[in-house]
N, C-alpha and C. Protein backbone atom coordinates (compact mmCIF):
# COMPACT_ATOMS: atom_id res chain seq x y z
N MET A 1 43.36 -20.76 -1.65
CA MET A 1 42.06 -21.33 -1.87
C MET A 1 41.92 -21.95 -3.23
N VAL A 2 41.23 -22.92 -3.25
CA VAL A 2 40.98 -23.67 -4.48
C VAL A 2 39.45 -23.75 -4.82
N ARG A 3 39.05 -23.28 -5.79
CA ARG A 3 37.53 -23.48 -6.43
C ARG A 3 37.67 -24.30 -7.76
N SER A 4 36.37 -24.98 -7.76
CA SER A 4 36.10 -25.86 -8.88
C SER A 4 34.81 -25.81 -9.27
N GLY A 5 34.46 -26.50 -10.47
CA GLY A 5 33.17 -26.42 -10.88
C GLY A 5 32.92 -27.03 -12.40
N ASN A 6 31.87 -27.26 -12.90
CA ASN A 6 31.77 -28.05 -14.06
C ASN A 6 30.83 -27.10 -14.87
N LEU A 7 31.59 -26.69 -16.20
CA LEU A 7 31.05 -25.88 -17.23
C LEU A 7 29.58 -26.51 -17.76
N LEU A 8 29.38 -28.01 -17.39
CA LEU A 8 28.14 -28.36 -18.27
C LEU A 8 27.00 -28.67 -16.98
N ALA A 9 27.12 -28.12 -15.71
CA ALA A 9 26.23 -28.48 -14.81
C ALA A 9 25.24 -27.13 -14.60
N ASP A 10 24.14 -27.41 -14.18
CA ASP A 10 23.17 -26.43 -13.98
C ASP A 10 22.64 -25.75 -15.26
N ILE A 11 22.51 -26.43 -16.43
CA ILE A 11 22.18 -25.68 -17.60
C ILE A 11 20.61 -25.78 -17.78
N PRO A 12 20.26 -24.54 -17.94
CA PRO A 12 18.73 -24.74 -18.32
C PRO A 12 18.16 -25.07 -19.72
N ALA A 13 17.14 -26.00 -19.78
CA ALA A 13 16.93 -26.52 -21.13
C ALA A 13 16.48 -25.37 -22.05
N THR A 14 15.71 -24.48 -21.49
CA THR A 14 15.09 -23.29 -22.41
C THR A 14 15.08 -22.08 -21.29
N SER A 15 15.03 -21.08 -21.72
CA SER A 15 15.17 -19.78 -20.82
C SER A 15 14.98 -18.50 -21.83
N ARG A 16 14.04 -17.60 -21.48
CA ARG A 16 14.08 -16.41 -22.23
C ARG A 16 15.28 -15.43 -22.31
N ASP A 17 15.98 -15.67 -21.09
CA ASP A 17 17.36 -14.92 -21.03
C ASP A 17 18.41 -15.83 -21.12
N GLU A 18 19.54 -15.19 -21.59
CA GLU A 18 20.86 -15.86 -21.70
C GLU A 18 21.36 -15.85 -20.16
N ARG A 19 22.18 -16.65 -19.91
CA ARG A 19 22.57 -16.85 -18.33
C ARG A 19 24.11 -16.61 -18.36
N PHE A 20 24.43 -15.53 -17.63
CA PHE A 20 26.00 -15.42 -17.53
C PHE A 20 26.64 -15.50 -16.25
N ASP A 21 27.48 -16.52 -16.13
CA ASP A 21 28.05 -16.77 -15.10
C ASP A 21 29.48 -16.46 -14.93
N THR A 22 30.13 -15.46 -13.91
CA THR A 22 31.37 -15.16 -13.69
C THR A 22 32.10 -16.18 -13.10
N LEU A 23 33.25 -16.90 -13.75
CA LEU A 23 34.10 -17.81 -13.14
C LEU A 23 35.11 -17.44 -12.33
N LEU A 24 35.60 -16.38 -12.95
CA LEU A 24 36.81 -15.65 -12.60
C LEU A 24 36.94 -14.06 -12.88
N ALA A 25 37.27 -13.47 -11.70
CA ALA A 25 37.37 -12.18 -12.30
C ALA A 25 38.75 -11.62 -11.39
N ARG A 26 39.65 -11.15 -12.06
CA ARG A 26 40.99 -10.47 -11.63
C ARG A 26 41.27 -9.14 -12.36
N PRO A 27 41.98 -8.30 -11.77
CA PRO A 27 42.26 -7.18 -12.66
C PRO A 27 42.87 -7.69 -14.00
N GLY A 28 42.07 -7.02 -14.97
CA GLY A 28 42.59 -7.39 -16.40
C GLY A 28 42.00 -8.61 -17.00
N VAL A 29 41.37 -9.48 -16.49
CA VAL A 29 40.70 -10.53 -16.77
C VAL A 29 39.39 -10.89 -16.37
N ARG A 30 38.65 -11.24 -17.16
CA ARG A 30 37.22 -11.85 -16.73
C ARG A 30 36.93 -13.19 -17.46
N ILE A 31 36.47 -14.28 -16.77
CA ILE A 31 36.14 -15.56 -17.58
C ILE A 31 34.60 -15.74 -17.20
N GLU A 32 33.84 -16.07 -18.26
CA GLU A 32 32.37 -16.20 -17.97
C GLU A 32 32.12 -17.62 -18.53
N ARG A 33 31.08 -18.13 -18.15
CA ARG A 33 30.23 -19.04 -18.72
C ARG A 33 28.91 -18.53 -19.32
N ILE A 34 28.82 -18.50 -20.62
CA ILE A 34 27.40 -18.03 -20.96
C ILE A 34 26.61 -19.02 -21.34
N VAL A 35 25.26 -19.30 -21.09
CA VAL A 35 24.28 -20.40 -21.76
C VAL A 35 23.27 -19.32 -22.71
N SER A 36 23.41 -19.88 -23.75
CA SER A 36 22.34 -19.29 -24.89
C SER A 36 21.25 -20.34 -25.12
N THR A 37 19.95 -20.12 -25.04
CA THR A 37 19.12 -21.04 -25.57
C THR A 37 18.26 -20.44 -26.58
N GLY A 38 18.86 -20.12 -27.75
CA GLY A 38 18.05 -19.58 -28.91
C GLY A 38 18.39 -18.12 -29.10
N GLN A 39 18.99 -17.42 -28.31
CA GLN A 39 19.17 -15.82 -28.27
C GLN A 39 19.77 -15.50 -29.46
N ALA A 40 19.83 -14.25 -29.75
CA ALA A 40 20.64 -13.47 -30.78
C ALA A 40 20.53 -12.14 -30.45
N SER A 41 21.48 -11.20 -31.05
CA SER A 41 21.50 -9.75 -30.56
C SER A 41 20.46 -9.35 -31.32
N PRO A 42 19.80 -8.05 -30.60
CA PRO A 42 18.77 -7.49 -31.07
C PRO A 42 19.13 -6.83 -32.67
N GLU A 43 18.11 -6.93 -33.45
CA GLU A 43 18.45 -6.15 -34.78
C GLU A 43 18.96 -4.61 -34.56
N GLY A 44 19.96 -4.56 -35.36
CA GLY A 44 20.81 -3.31 -35.29
C GLY A 44 21.73 -3.10 -34.28
N PHE A 45 21.88 -3.98 -33.00
CA PHE A 45 22.74 -3.73 -32.07
C PHE A 45 24.18 -4.67 -32.49
N TRP A 46 25.19 -3.83 -32.16
CA TRP A 46 26.48 -4.30 -32.07
C TRP A 46 27.36 -4.19 -30.91
N TYR A 47 27.98 -5.28 -30.44
CA TYR A 47 28.81 -5.10 -29.31
C TYR A 47 30.01 -4.42 -29.99
N ASP A 48 30.71 -3.44 -28.94
CA ASP A 48 31.94 -2.79 -29.08
C ASP A 48 32.43 -2.57 -27.72
N GLN A 49 33.38 -3.57 -27.64
CA GLN A 49 33.96 -3.73 -26.28
C GLN A 49 35.42 -3.05 -26.12
N ALA A 50 35.69 -2.56 -24.90
CA ALA A 50 37.07 -1.92 -24.97
C ALA A 50 38.17 -3.05 -24.62
N GLU A 51 37.79 -4.28 -24.49
CA GLU A 51 38.67 -5.12 -24.09
C GLU A 51 38.61 -6.43 -25.24
N THR A 52 39.97 -7.20 -25.25
CA THR A 52 39.89 -8.28 -26.27
C THR A 52 38.74 -9.32 -25.61
N GLU A 53 38.24 -9.90 -26.61
CA GLU A 53 37.27 -11.16 -26.11
C GLU A 53 37.78 -12.41 -26.88
N TRP A 54 37.76 -13.50 -26.08
CA TRP A 54 38.10 -14.78 -26.49
C TRP A 54 37.07 -15.61 -26.18
N VAL A 55 36.26 -16.26 -27.21
CA VAL A 55 34.94 -16.99 -27.00
C VAL A 55 35.21 -18.40 -27.64
N CYS A 56 34.81 -19.59 -26.86
CA CYS A 56 34.79 -20.78 -27.39
C CYS A 56 33.29 -21.54 -26.98
N VAL A 57 32.98 -22.07 -27.90
CA VAL A 57 31.88 -22.90 -27.97
C VAL A 57 32.00 -24.13 -27.55
N ILE A 58 31.48 -24.46 -26.26
CA ILE A 58 31.70 -25.73 -25.60
C ILE A 58 30.59 -26.88 -26.09
N ALA A 59 29.51 -26.51 -26.12
CA ALA A 59 28.30 -27.32 -26.47
C ALA A 59 27.54 -26.43 -27.42
N GLY A 60 26.72 -27.15 -28.50
CA GLY A 60 25.86 -26.18 -28.96
C GLY A 60 26.46 -25.68 -30.15
N ALA A 61 25.83 -24.59 -30.64
CA ALA A 61 26.37 -23.81 -31.94
C ALA A 61 25.73 -22.20 -32.15
N ALA A 62 26.54 -21.78 -32.59
CA ALA A 62 26.12 -20.08 -32.94
C ALA A 62 26.74 -19.53 -34.09
N ALA A 63 26.27 -18.33 -34.29
CA ALA A 63 27.00 -17.63 -35.36
C ALA A 63 27.28 -16.18 -35.23
N LEU A 64 28.45 -15.81 -35.24
CA LEU A 64 28.96 -14.38 -34.94
C LEU A 64 29.31 -13.49 -35.99
N LEU A 65 28.80 -12.50 -36.23
CA LEU A 65 28.82 -11.74 -37.60
C LEU A 65 29.90 -10.67 -37.02
N ILE A 66 30.87 -10.36 -37.51
CA ILE A 66 31.90 -9.17 -37.42
C ILE A 66 31.52 -8.19 -38.41
N GLU A 67 31.40 -6.84 -37.98
CA GLU A 67 31.08 -5.78 -38.98
C GLU A 67 31.89 -5.64 -39.93
N GLY A 68 31.32 -5.65 -41.32
CA GLY A 68 32.21 -5.50 -42.44
C GLY A 68 32.37 -6.76 -43.14
N GLU A 69 32.23 -7.85 -42.55
CA GLU A 69 32.44 -9.30 -43.03
C GLU A 69 31.09 -9.72 -43.73
N ALA A 70 31.26 -10.44 -44.82
CA ALA A 70 29.83 -10.61 -45.61
C ALA A 70 29.00 -11.75 -44.74
N GLN A 71 29.82 -12.79 -44.39
CA GLN A 71 29.32 -14.09 -43.74
C GLN A 71 29.68 -14.21 -42.22
N PRO A 72 28.62 -14.57 -41.42
CA PRO A 72 28.80 -14.92 -40.05
C PRO A 72 29.97 -16.20 -39.70
N HIS A 73 30.69 -16.11 -38.75
CA HIS A 73 31.66 -17.07 -38.12
C HIS A 73 30.78 -18.18 -37.65
N VAL A 74 30.43 -19.33 -38.03
CA VAL A 74 29.73 -20.38 -37.39
C VAL A 74 30.59 -21.19 -36.62
N LEU A 75 30.24 -21.15 -35.54
CA LEU A 75 30.94 -21.82 -34.30
C LEU A 75 30.09 -23.00 -33.85
N LYS A 76 30.80 -24.21 -33.69
CA LYS A 76 30.32 -25.50 -33.07
C LYS A 76 31.16 -25.74 -31.85
N ALA A 77 30.80 -26.93 -31.31
CA ALA A 77 31.49 -27.25 -30.28
C ALA A 77 33.23 -27.48 -30.26
N GLY A 78 34.03 -26.81 -29.57
CA GLY A 78 35.35 -26.75 -29.78
C GLY A 78 35.90 -25.64 -30.59
N ASP A 79 35.08 -24.81 -31.32
CA ASP A 79 35.75 -23.81 -32.17
C ASP A 79 35.68 -22.67 -31.20
N TRP A 80 36.60 -21.71 -31.37
CA TRP A 80 36.83 -20.52 -30.71
C TRP A 80 37.28 -19.48 -31.55
N LEU A 81 37.16 -17.97 -31.15
CA LEU A 81 37.32 -16.94 -31.88
C LEU A 81 37.91 -15.88 -31.00
N GLU A 82 39.02 -15.11 -31.56
CA GLU A 82 39.44 -13.86 -30.71
C GLU A 82 38.96 -12.64 -31.54
N ILE A 83 38.42 -11.70 -30.56
CA ILE A 83 37.86 -10.54 -31.02
C ILE A 83 38.66 -9.37 -30.54
N ALA A 84 39.44 -8.46 -31.10
CA ALA A 84 40.15 -7.60 -30.64
C ALA A 84 39.22 -6.32 -30.41
N PRO A 85 39.73 -5.50 -29.19
CA PRO A 85 39.13 -4.55 -28.85
C PRO A 85 38.37 -3.57 -30.04
N HIS A 86 37.14 -2.98 -29.77
CA HIS A 86 36.49 -2.18 -30.58
C HIS A 86 36.14 -2.72 -31.93
N VAL A 87 36.41 -4.24 -32.02
CA VAL A 87 35.84 -4.74 -33.31
C VAL A 87 34.16 -5.11 -33.12
N ARG A 88 33.52 -4.41 -33.77
CA ARG A 88 31.97 -4.69 -33.64
C ARG A 88 31.45 -5.93 -34.05
N HIS A 89 30.59 -6.48 -33.26
CA HIS A 89 30.35 -7.91 -33.63
C HIS A 89 28.96 -8.05 -33.00
N ARG A 90 28.09 -9.16 -33.46
CA ARG A 90 26.93 -9.27 -32.99
C ARG A 90 26.63 -10.87 -33.15
N VAL A 91 25.75 -11.52 -32.38
CA VAL A 91 25.42 -12.81 -32.25
C VAL A 91 24.21 -12.96 -33.38
N GLU A 92 24.28 -13.59 -34.45
CA GLU A 92 23.33 -13.56 -35.12
C GLU A 92 22.19 -14.70 -34.98
N TRP A 93 22.80 -15.89 -34.39
CA TRP A 93 21.78 -17.00 -33.83
C TRP A 93 22.58 -17.89 -32.93
N THR A 94 22.03 -18.58 -32.05
CA THR A 94 22.43 -19.50 -31.25
C THR A 94 21.32 -20.82 -31.37
N GLU A 95 21.90 -21.93 -31.34
CA GLU A 95 21.04 -23.02 -31.50
C GLU A 95 19.85 -23.09 -30.63
N THR A 96 18.61 -23.56 -31.19
CA THR A 96 17.53 -23.82 -30.64
C THR A 96 17.20 -25.02 -29.87
N SER A 97 17.80 -26.10 -30.61
CA SER A 97 17.42 -27.39 -30.28
C SER A 97 18.26 -27.84 -28.89
N GLN A 98 19.16 -27.26 -28.55
CA GLN A 98 19.96 -27.58 -27.21
C GLN A 98 20.56 -26.07 -27.03
N PRO A 99 20.92 -25.99 -25.60
CA PRO A 99 21.68 -24.91 -25.23
C PRO A 99 23.16 -24.84 -25.65
N THR A 100 23.44 -23.66 -25.98
CA THR A 100 24.76 -23.32 -26.48
C THR A 100 25.76 -22.73 -25.22
N ILE A 101 26.49 -23.48 -24.96
CA ILE A 101 27.48 -23.16 -23.77
C ILE A 101 28.78 -22.43 -24.20
N TRP A 102 29.01 -21.18 -23.83
CA TRP A 102 30.26 -20.60 -24.30
C TRP A 102 31.16 -20.39 -23.19
N LEU A 103 32.45 -20.33 -23.30
CA LEU A 103 33.27 -19.83 -22.55
C LEU A 103 34.06 -18.74 -23.03
N ALA A 104 33.97 -17.57 -22.18
CA ALA A 104 34.27 -16.33 -22.93
C ALA A 104 35.35 -15.74 -21.82
N MET A 105 36.38 -15.11 -22.29
CA MET A 105 37.38 -14.32 -21.55
C MET A 105 37.51 -12.99 -22.22
N HIS A 106 37.56 -12.20 -21.32
CA HIS A 106 37.62 -10.64 -21.50
C HIS A 106 39.02 -10.37 -20.87
N ILE A 107 39.82 -9.76 -21.91
CA ILE A 107 41.19 -9.65 -21.38
C ILE A 107 41.48 -8.19 -21.50
N GLY A 108 42.05 -7.59 -20.60
CA GLY A 108 42.54 -6.03 -20.57
C GLY A 108 41.21 -5.35 -20.04
N ALA A 109 40.13 -5.82 -19.42
CA ALA A 109 38.96 -5.24 -18.77
C ALA A 109 39.43 -4.58 -17.42
């Protein structure tokens, strides 16, 4: 079986909610496309995931704050970040003038 798609297709210009599309799910790995249109983590909320997460911004921009770090990691198109299991992090902001398109891999899920 062969599947294909386009990471830049079917992108909403604005949305109240982030969009999560699972592109591939196999034992131990999940790959998602995430489309953000100005969303951020709720105040005081931290992701604390059991698996490694690798994220890459394909379009737009975002800032991820790692707990204990003074400044967020600002990511623009082409930038990626690997987050080890149980490293608490949050999305400080995503661009509001255009959708931010992420490619996210969850490894060890």
